[in-house]
Protein backbone atom coordinates (compact mmCIF):
# COMPACT_ATOMS: atom_id res chain seq x y z
CA MET A 1 104.51 133.36 113.51
CA PRO A 2 106.68 132.77 110.43
CA ALA A 3 106.07 129.69 108.30
CA THR A 4 107.81 126.41 109.12
CA GLU A 5 109.66 124.79 106.22
CA PRO A 6 108.35 121.17 106.10
CA LEU A 7 111.48 119.24 105.14
CA PHE A 8 109.61 115.91 105.36
CA ARG A 9 107.47 116.94 102.40
CA ASP A 10 110.39 116.65 99.98
CA ASP A 11 112.32 113.91 101.81
CA ALA A 12 110.41 111.65 104.19
CA TYR A 13 113.64 109.82 105.07
CA LEU A 14 115.24 112.76 106.86
CA LYS A 15 115.59 111.79 110.51
CA SER A 16 116.98 115.05 111.86
CA CYS A 17 117.78 118.63 110.94
CA GLU A 18 119.30 121.79 112.33
CA ALA A 19 116.76 124.53 113.02
CA THR A 20 116.14 127.78 114.85
CA VAL A 21 113.37 128.48 117.35
CA VAL A 22 111.21 131.28 115.94
CA GLY A 23 108.61 131.33 118.69
CA ILE A 24 106.78 129.76 121.63
CA ASN A 25 102.99 129.93 121.45
CA ASP A 26 100.69 130.67 124.37
CA ARG A 27 100.30 126.93 125.11
CA GLY A 28 104.04 126.29 125.25
CA GLY A 29 104.27 124.86 121.75
CA ILE A 30 107.61 125.31 120.00
CA ILE A 31 107.73 126.70 116.46
CA LEU A 32 110.87 126.21 114.37
CA ASP A 33 111.90 127.78 111.08
CA ARG A 34 112.24 124.28 109.57
CA THR A 35 111.49 120.75 110.71
CA VAL A 36 111.48 117.03 109.97
CA PHE A 37 108.46 116.53 112.29
CA TYR A 38 105.24 115.66 110.44
CA ALA A 39 102.24 117.49 111.90
CA THR A 40 99.06 115.53 112.60
CA GLY A 41 96.79 115.53 109.56
CA GLY A 42 95.12 113.38 106.94
CA GLY A 43 94.66 110.52 109.39
CA GLN A 44 98.41 110.33 110.10
CA PRO A 45 99.61 111.11 113.65
CA GLY A 46 102.23 113.76 114.28
CA ASP A 47 105.79 112.68 114.92
CA ALA A 48 107.34 112.36 118.37
CA GLY A 49 111.02 112.85 119.03
CA VAL A 50 113.41 115.26 120.67
CA LEU A 51 114.84 118.75 120.29
CA ARG A 52 118.47 118.97 121.35
CA ALA A 53 119.29 122.46 122.56
CA GLY A 54 122.28 123.76 124.48
CA GLY A 55 123.33 120.38 125.80
CA SER A 56 119.85 119.40 126.99
CA ASP A 57 117.11 117.32 125.38
CA ILE A 58 113.52 118.52 125.07
CA PRO A 59 111.16 115.57 124.50
CA VAL A 60 108.50 116.26 121.87
CA ALA A 61 105.24 114.36 122.38
CA THR A 62 103.78 115.19 118.97
CA ALA A 63 103.63 117.83 116.26
CA VAL A 64 100.46 119.64 115.19
CA LYS A 65 99.46 122.39 112.82
CA GLY A 66 99.51 125.90 114.19
CA GLU A 67 97.28 128.89 113.73
CA THR A 68 98.13 128.96 110.03
CA ALA A 69 98.38 126.03 107.62
CA ASP A 70 102.12 126.54 107.13
CA GLU A 71 103.02 126.65 110.83
CA ILE A 72 104.07 123.46 112.65
CA VAL A 73 103.98 123.35 116.44
CA HIS A 74 106.20 120.92 118.35
CA VAL A 75 104.33 119.97 121.52
CA PRO A 76 106.81 119.32 124.36
CA ALA A 77 106.30 116.62 126.94
CA GLN A 78 104.67 117.80 130.13
CA ASP A 79 106.97 119.89 132.37
CA ALA A 80 109.76 119.91 129.75
CA ALA A 81 112.03 122.96 129.75
CA LEU A 82 111.45 125.26 126.80
CA PRO A 83 114.06 126.75 124.49
CA LYS A 84 114.24 130.48 123.83
CA PRO A 85 113.33 132.20 120.57
CA GLY A 86 116.43 132.52 118.42
CA GLN A 87 118.05 129.44 119.94
CA ALA A 88 119.58 126.85 117.62
CA VAL A 89 118.31 123.28 118.05
CA ALA A 90 118.70 119.87 116.44
CA ALA A 91 115.31 118.30 115.72
CA GLU A 92 115.24 114.49 115.65
CA ILE A 93 112.18 112.28 115.12
CA ASP A 94 111.39 108.82 116.46
CA TRP A 95 112.38 107.23 113.16
CA GLU A 96 111.30 103.66 113.89
CA THR A 97 107.71 104.76 114.57
CA ARG A 98 107.66 107.18 111.63
CA TYR A 99 108.89 104.51 109.21
CA ARG A 100 106.19 102.06 110.28
CA ARG A 101 103.59 104.76 109.67
CA MET A 102 105.11 105.46 106.25
CA ARG A 103 104.77 101.78 105.33
CA ILE A 104 101.18 101.64 106.58
CA HIS A 105 100.21 104.88 104.85
CA SER A 106 101.58 103.62 101.54
CA ALA A 107 99.74 100.31 102.04
CA LEU A 108 96.47 102.20 102.55
CA HIS A 109 96.88 103.88 99.18
CA LEU A 110 97.21 100.43 97.66
CA LEU A 111 94.20 99.22 99.63
CA SER A 112 92.16 101.91 97.86
CA CYS A 113 93.26 100.26 94.60
CA ALA A 114 92.49 96.73 95.79
CA LEU A 115 89.03 98.00 96.80
CA PRO A 116 88.09 100.60 94.17
CA PHE A 117 85.19 102.15 96.08
CA PRO A 118 84.67 105.68 97.49
CA VAL A 119 86.63 106.20 100.72
CA THR A 120 84.66 107.70 103.61
CA GLY A 121 87.38 107.81 106.27
CA GLY A 122 90.75 106.52 107.36
CA GLN A 123 93.31 106.27 110.13
CA ILE A 124 97.01 105.43 110.45
CA ALA A 125 98.49 103.95 113.62
CA ASP A 126 101.85 102.43 114.48
CA ASP A 127 100.85 98.84 113.79
CA TYR A 128 97.73 99.05 111.66
CA GLY A 129 95.72 101.25 109.36
CA ARG A 130 92.14 101.35 108.23
CA LEU A 131 89.97 102.78 105.49
CA ASP A 132 86.22 103.08 105.43
CA PHE A 133 84.54 102.39 102.09
CA SER A 134 81.08 103.00 100.71
CA ILE A 135 80.36 99.62 99.13
CA ASP A 136 77.06 98.95 97.40
CA GLY A 137 76.88 95.20 96.94
CA ALA A 138 78.96 92.21 97.89
CA VAL A 139 82.11 92.81 99.95
CA PRO A 140 85.18 90.73 99.04
CA THR A 141 86.45 88.42 101.78
CA LYS A 142 89.43 89.22 103.96
CA GLU A 143 91.42 86.60 102.09
CA GLU A 144 90.56 88.09 98.69
CA ILE A 145 91.47 91.62 99.73
CA THR A 146 94.70 90.44 101.38
CA ALA A 147 95.73 88.66 98.18
CA ARG A 148 95.00 91.71 96.02
CA LEU A 149 96.83 94.04 98.40
CA ASN A 150 99.97 91.91 98.64
CA GLU A 151 100.05 91.45 94.89
CA LEU A 152 100.24 95.22 94.54
CA ILE A 153 102.88 95.47 97.27
CA CYS A 154 105.03 92.86 95.55
CA GLY A 155 104.84 94.78 92.27
CA ASN A 156 107.86 96.89 93.34
CA HIS A 157 106.13 100.10 92.29
CA ALA A 158 108.10 103.31 92.75
CA ILE A 159 106.40 105.94 94.92
CA SER A 160 106.95 109.60 94.07
CA THR A 161 105.35 113.01 94.53
CA GLU A 162 104.37 115.75 92.12
CA TRP A 163 102.37 118.95 92.21
CA ILE A 164 99.40 120.27 90.28
CA THR A 165 97.53 123.55 90.47
CA ASP A 166 94.23 124.02 92.24
CA GLU A 167 92.65 124.52 88.84
CA GLU A 168 94.05 121.23 87.52
CA LEU A 169 92.65 119.35 90.51
CA ALA A 170 89.26 121.00 90.09
CA ALA A 171 89.28 119.86 86.47
CA ASN A 172 90.14 116.28 87.52
CA PRO A 173 87.84 115.48 90.48
CA GLY A 174 88.37 111.74 89.97
CA LEU A 175 91.81 112.10 91.57
CA VAL A 176 90.13 112.60 94.95
CA LYS A 177 89.10 109.27 96.49
CA THR A 178 88.02 110.53 99.89
CA MET A 179 84.41 111.62 100.23
CA SER A 180 84.61 113.20 103.70
CA VAL A 181 87.99 114.96 103.54
CA LYS A 182 88.96 117.11 100.59
CA PRO A 183 92.59 118.01 99.88
CA PRO A 184 93.57 121.50 101.05
CA MET A 185 93.22 124.06 98.31
CA GLY A 186 93.79 127.78 98.23
CA ALA A 187 97.58 127.83 98.28
CA GLY A 188 97.68 127.52 94.50
CA ARG A 189 98.97 123.97 94.27
CA VAL A 190 98.20 120.48 95.57
CA ARG A 191 100.63 117.64 96.25
CA LEU A 192 99.97 114.28 94.60
CA VAL A 193 101.43 110.90 95.51
CA ARG A 194 102.01 108.56 92.57
CA ILE A 195 102.49 104.81 92.97
CA GLY A 196 103.86 103.53 89.68
CA GLU A 197 101.05 103.21 87.19
CA VAL A 198 98.53 101.93 89.75
CA ASP A 199 97.57 104.98 91.83
CA LEU A 200 97.64 108.77 91.84
CA GLN A 201 95.86 110.83 94.48
CA PRO A 202 96.27 114.01 96.56
CA CYS A 203 98.13 113.43 99.83
CA GLY A 204 100.33 115.45 102.15
CA GLY A 205 101.59 112.50 104.22
CA THR A 206 104.87 110.60 104.32
CA HIS A 207 105.46 107.49 102.23
CA VAL A 208 108.14 104.92 101.43
CA ARG A 209 110.01 105.10 98.11
CA ASN A 210 108.92 101.72 96.80
CA THR A 211 106.04 99.39 97.58
CA SER A 212 108.56 96.60 98.29
CA GLU A 213 109.43 98.41 101.55
CA ILE A 214 105.91 97.96 102.90
CA GLY A 215 106.24 94.23 103.54
CA ALA A 216 103.45 91.68 103.70
CA MET A 217 100.13 92.95 105.05
CA THR A 218 96.97 91.19 106.12
CA VAL A 219 93.35 92.26 106.38
CA ALA A 220 92.71 91.89 110.10
CA LYS A 221 89.02 92.84 110.23
CA ILE A 222 86.09 94.02 108.13
CA GLU A 223 83.36 95.82 110.07
CA SER A 224 79.95 97.09 109.05
CA LYS A 225 79.52 100.76 109.98
CA GLY A 226 76.21 101.41 108.26
CA ALA A 227 74.09 100.33 105.34
CA GLN A 228 76.97 100.59 102.87
CA ASN A 229 79.93 101.68 104.98
CA ARG A 230 82.56 98.99 105.53
CA ARG A 231 85.66 99.51 107.68
CA VAL A 232 88.66 97.51 106.49
CA ARG A 233 91.58 97.26 108.91
CA ILE A 234 94.99 96.11 107.72
CA ALA A 235 98.03 95.16 109.79
CA PHE A 236 101.54 93.95 109.26
CA ALA A 237 101.69 90.23 108.65
CA GLU A 238 103.44 88.15 111.30
CA GLY A 239 107.01 89.38 111.76
CA GLY A 240 106.26 92.76 110.17
């Protein structure tokens, strides 16, 4: 299948786009030439939404990566009618859910600054996010971490993206905070997400433009997952 142009990579605020169906895989997944749907990866779920084609709506349950890294498959809801290759469609994401995930994802980057320890895992959901840390020694309290995190959020730091080569990343291993998941290399370049002057790390996910959009967060739970592994779960503060 041809590559899918990931429009969300350059503009996470795009809610819809016009596209053309380039194929249907053997599991009924729909591949477009371009899309605003983020494909599951890096702990962030794939987008849900709808494809509008020929006067009918095709519900999309999620989006996943295809057989190649640059192919995005739109997984239709069960028993949904499928479009035909070559057909023009309008792809539209569930923006409210996506935006909440963008806020949480950006907050998790800041959490890795509030807790400057190696990251061993992570997950993004609609109402919460979590990171696992390898912490040797005392663990700050929920209240201490919450205060640090919200101080960073309230700093109104701009969030932007930039690219470096595989060789530049290999020469700067300190940019990679995750121990278990390494950023994809081999395509010649790696995408970085910069948060003002406080954070810079490889990431292919979607983020807000400024930390002020995240809103107040709270540390909901700290769990022990081993001798040094601590799972820190954050959630939107009341009203978030």
